[in-house]
């Protein structure tokens, strides 16, 4: 299992930027571990946001392409989500996730952080 701890959430105005960070421990960042970010709003299912493989390959949901950047530092066991041009609809609890299998497929993620709140005001 992988233990994940998110940080960096907060309140930001529309059009602003915020960077989320996730520190991993345990069975972490083996060459096969993929990392990702998901988000959830009340009454809705958790949805995929972005994922990155250990080699740096990445995937984004369409609504954040061109605005969000996912990157990782394997030496520091961290993954980050830089969020630019934020919109009120980006408001959610954001969760860091790990896929021990190494797959970036959103169904492959099996370890989760506790989440961090991001609120974008209009």
C-alpha atoms as a PDB file:
ATOM      1  CA  UNK A   1       0.000   0.000   0.000  1.00  0.00           C
ATOM      2  CA  UNK A   2       0.939   3.619  -0.504  1.00  0.00           C
ATOM      3  CA  UNK A   3       0.275   6.365   2.030  1.00  0.00           C
ATOM      4  CA  UNK A   4      -0.561   9.733   0.495  1.00  0.00           C
ATOM      5  CA  UNK A   5      -0.824  13.194   2.061  1.00  0.00           C
ATOM      6  CA  UNK A   6      -2.124  16.169   0.103  1.00  0.00           C
ATOM      7  CA  UNK A   7      -1.464  19.856   0.719  1.00  0.00           C
ATOM      8  CA  UNK A   8      -1.932  23.175  -1.025  1.00  0.00           C
ATOM      9  CA  UNK A   9      -5.676  23.514  -1.198  1.00  0.00           C
ATOM     10  CA  UNK A  10      -7.432  26.774  -0.425  1.00  0.00           C
ATOM     11  CA  UNK A  11      -9.557  29.621  -1.683  1.00  0.00           C
ATOM     12  CA  UNK A  12      -8.700  31.398  -4.910  1.00  0.00           C
ATOM     13  CA  UNK A  13     -10.501  33.796  -7.248  1.00  0.00           C
ATOM     14  CA  UNK A  14     -11.556  32.727 -10.711  1.00  0.00           C
ATOM     15  CA  UNK A  15      -8.672  33.057 -13.132  1.00  0.00           C
ATOM     16  CA  UNK A  16      -6.129  32.468 -10.406  1.00  0.00           C
ATOM     17  CA  UNK A  17      -3.683  29.628  -9.837  1.00  0.00           C
ATOM     18  CA  UNK A  18      -3.061  27.049  -7.168  1.00  0.00           C
ATOM     19  CA  UNK A  19      -0.635  24.164  -6.866  1.00  0.00           C
ATOM     20  CA  UNK A  20      -1.514  20.982  -5.005  1.00  0.00           C
ATOM     21  CA  UNK A  21       1.164  18.689  -3.666  1.00  0.00           C
ATOM     22  CA  UNK A  22       1.112  15.084  -2.543  1.00  0.00           C
ATOM     23  CA  UNK A  23       3.773  13.336  -0.502  1.00  0.00           C
ATOM     24  CA  UNK A  24       3.942   9.562  -0.748  1.00  0.00           C
ATOM     25  CA  UNK A  25       5.326   7.014   1.654  1.00  0.00           C
ATOM     26  CA  UNK A  26       5.277   3.235   2.066  1.00  0.00           C
ATOM     27  CA  UNK A  27       5.649   1.174  -1.060  1.00  0.00           C
ATOM     28  CA  UNK A  28       6.209   4.282  -3.096  1.00  0.00           C
ATOM     29  CA  UNK A  29       7.360   5.239  -6.487  1.00  0.00           C
ATOM     30  CA  UNK A  30       8.584   1.906  -7.505  1.00  0.00           C
ATOM     31  CA  UNK A  31       9.207   1.964 -11.200  1.00  0.00           C
ATOM     32  CA  UNK A  32       5.638   0.830 -11.789  1.00  0.00           C
ATOM     33  CA  UNK A  33       3.657   3.301  -9.657  1.00  0.00           C
ATOM     34  CA  UNK A  34       1.485   5.812 -11.473  1.00  0.00           C
ATOM     35  CA  UNK A  35       0.161   8.858  -9.620  1.00  0.00           C
ATOM     36  CA  UNK A  36      -2.988  10.826 -10.177  1.00  0.00           C
ATOM     37  CA  UNK A  37      -5.445  13.428  -9.010  1.00  0.00           C
ATOM     38  CA  UNK A  38      -9.185  13.054  -8.703  1.00  0.00           C
ATOM     39  CA  UNK A  39     -11.853  15.448  -7.433  1.00  0.00           C
ATOM     40  CA  UNK A  40     -15.304  15.243  -5.934  1.00  0.00           C
ATOM     41  CA  UNK A  41     -18.112  17.671  -5.221  1.00  0.00           C
ATOM     42  CA  UNK A  42     -21.072  16.991  -2.898  1.00  0.00           C
ATOM     43  CA  UNK A  43     -23.643  14.705  -4.448  1.00  0.00           C
ATOM     44  CA  UNK A  44     -21.412  13.691  -7.335  1.00  0.00           C
ATOM     45  CA  UNK A  45     -19.100  10.780  -7.982  1.00  0.00           C
ATOM     46  CA  UNK A  46     -15.389  11.248  -7.744  1.00  0.00           C
ATOM     47  CA  UNK A  47     -13.949  12.096 -11.155  1.00  0.00           C
ATOM     48  CA  UNK A  48     -10.570  11.689 -12.752  1.00  0.00           C
ATOM     49  CA  UNK A  49      -8.508  14.851 -13.259  1.00  0.00           C
ATOM     50  CA  UNK A  50      -4.975  13.869 -14.280  1.00  0.00           C
ATOM     51  CA  UNK A  51      -2.459  11.040 -14.048  1.00  0.00           C
ATOM     52  CA  UNK A  52       1.251  10.592 -14.629  1.00  0.00           C
ATOM     53  CA  UNK A  53       3.311   7.433 -15.014  1.00  0.00           C
ATOM     54  CA  UNK A  54       6.742   6.851 -13.553  1.00  0.00           C
ATOM     55  CA  UNK A  55       8.236   7.618 -16.974  1.00  0.00           C
ATOM     56  CA  UNK A  56       6.387  10.935 -17.174  1.00  0.00           C
ATOM     57  CA  UNK A  57       3.581  10.014 -19.524  1.00  0.00           C
ATOM     58  CA  UNK A  58       0.396  11.888 -18.619  1.00  0.00           C
ATOM     59  CA  UNK A  59      -3.342  11.986 -19.120  1.00  0.00           C
ATOM     60  CA  UNK A  60      -5.866  14.763 -18.413  1.00  0.00           C
ATOM     61  CA  UNK A  61      -9.624  15.044 -18.399  1.00  0.00           C
ATOM     62  CA  UNK A  62     -10.764  17.232 -21.269  1.00  0.00           C
ATOM     63  CA  UNK A  63     -12.058  20.104 -19.136  1.00  0.00           C
ATOM     64  CA  UNK A  64      -8.638  20.788 -17.575  1.00  0.00           C
ATOM     65  CA  UNK A  65      -6.428  20.323 -20.638  1.00  0.00           C
ATOM     66  CA  UNK A  66      -4.351  23.437 -21.262  1.00  0.00           C
ATOM     67  CA  UNK A  67      -5.000  24.718 -17.726  1.00  0.00           C
ATOM     68  CA  UNK A  68      -3.662  22.029 -15.366  1.00  0.00           C
ATOM     69  CA  UNK A  69      -0.203  20.488 -15.305  1.00  0.00           C
ATOM     70  CA  UNK A  70       0.688  17.310 -13.440  1.00  0.00           C
ATOM     71  CA  UNK A  71       4.311  16.576 -12.642  1.00  0.00           C
ATOM     72  CA  UNK A  72       6.253  14.416 -10.252  1.00  0.00           C
ATOM     73  CA  UNK A  73       9.598  14.311  -8.499  1.00  0.00           C
ATOM     74  CA  UNK A  74      10.564  10.683  -8.045  1.00  0.00           C
ATOM     75  CA  UNK A  75      13.608  11.606  -5.924  1.00  0.00           C
ATOM     76  CA  UNK A  76      11.353  13.384  -3.415  1.00  0.00           C
ATOM     77  CA  UNK A  77       8.394  11.009  -3.655  1.00  0.00           C
ATOM     78  CA  UNK A  78       6.031  13.827  -4.564  1.00  0.00           C
ATOM     79  CA  UNK A  79       3.460  14.584  -7.224  1.00  0.00           C
ATOM     80  CA  UNK A  80       1.999  18.008  -7.940  1.00  0.00           C
ATOM     81  CA  UNK A  81      -0.934  19.507  -9.767  1.00  0.00           C
ATOM     82  CA  UNK A  82      -0.458  23.051 -11.015  1.00  0.00           C
ATOM     83  CA  UNK A  83      -3.874  24.540 -11.664  1.00  0.00           C
ATOM     84  CA  UNK A  84      -4.085  27.697 -13.763  1.00  0.00           C
ATOM     85  CA  UNK A  85      -7.005  29.756 -15.043  1.00  0.00           C
ATOM     86  CA  UNK A  86      -9.188  28.277 -12.353  1.00  0.00           C
ATOM     87  CA  UNK A  87     -12.955  28.324 -12.771  1.00  0.00           C
ATOM     88  CA  UNK A  88     -15.727  28.085 -10.177  1.00  0.00           C
ATOM     89  CA  UNK A  89     -16.581  24.657 -11.586  1.00  0.00           C
ATOM     90  CA  UNK A  90     -13.140  23.454 -10.489  1.00  0.00           C
ATOM     91  CA  UNK A  91     -14.294  23.768  -6.890  1.00  0.00           C
ATOM     92  CA  UNK A  92     -14.035  20.347  -5.254  1.00  0.00           C
ATOM     93  CA  UNK A  93     -12.163  18.183  -2.815  1.00  0.00           C
ATOM     94  CA  UNK A  94      -9.065  17.008  -4.627  1.00  0.00           C
ATOM     95  CA  UNK A  95      -7.612  13.597  -3.899  1.00  0.00           C
ATOM     96  CA  UNK A  96      -4.158  12.281  -4.606  1.00  0.00           C
ATOM     97  CA  UNK A  97      -4.111   8.675  -5.767  1.00  0.00           C
ATOM     98  CA  UNK A  98      -1.641   5.930  -6.633  1.00  0.00           C
ATOM     99  CA  UNK A  99      -1.823   3.037  -9.044  1.00  0.00           C
ATOM    100  CA  UNK A 100       0.532   0.305  -7.893  1.00  0.00           C
ATOM    101  CA  UNK A 101       0.068  -1.494 -11.193  1.00  0.00           C
ATOM    102  CA  UNK A 102       1.528   1.506 -12.995  1.00  0.00           C
ATOM    103  CA  UNK A 103      -1.490   1.979 -15.212  1.00  0.00           C
ATOM    104  CA  UNK A 104      -2.806   5.512 -15.759  1.00  0.00           C
ATOM    105  CA  UNK A 105      -6.285   4.147 -16.377  1.00  0.00           C
ATOM    106  CA  UNK A 106      -8.568   5.801 -13.822  1.00  0.00           C
ATOM    107  CA  UNK A 107      -9.913   2.416 -12.791  1.00  0.00           C
ATOM    108  CA  UNK A 108      -6.435   1.263 -11.744  1.00  0.00           C
ATOM    109  CA  UNK A 109      -5.989   3.678  -8.840  1.00  0.00           C
ATOM    110  CA  UNK A 110      -6.192   1.858  -5.520  1.00  0.00           C
ATOM    111  CA  UNK A 111      -4.576   4.074  -2.880  1.00  0.00           C
ATOM    112  CA  UNK A 112      -6.040   7.414  -1.818  1.00  0.00           C
ATOM    113  CA  UNK A 113      -5.172  10.446   0.239  1.00  0.00           C
ATOM    114  CA  UNK A 114      -7.586  12.197   2.573  1.00  0.00           C
ATOM    115  CA  UNK A 115      -8.274  15.053   0.187  1.00  0.00           C
ATOM    116  CA  UNK A 116      -7.770  18.807   0.165  1.00  0.00           C
ATOM    117  CA  UNK A 117     -10.445  21.415  -0.503  1.00  0.00           C
ATOM    118  CA  UNK A 118     -10.119  23.780  -3.450  1.00  0.00           C
ATOM    119  CA  UNK A 119     -12.634  26.601  -3.678  1.00  0.00           C
ATOM    120  CA  UNK A 120     -12.751  28.962  -6.646  1.00  0.00           C
ATOM    121  CA  UNK A 121     -14.822  32.088  -6.148  1.00  0.00           C
ATOM    122  CA  UNK A 122     -16.432  33.939  -9.038  1.00  0.00           C
END
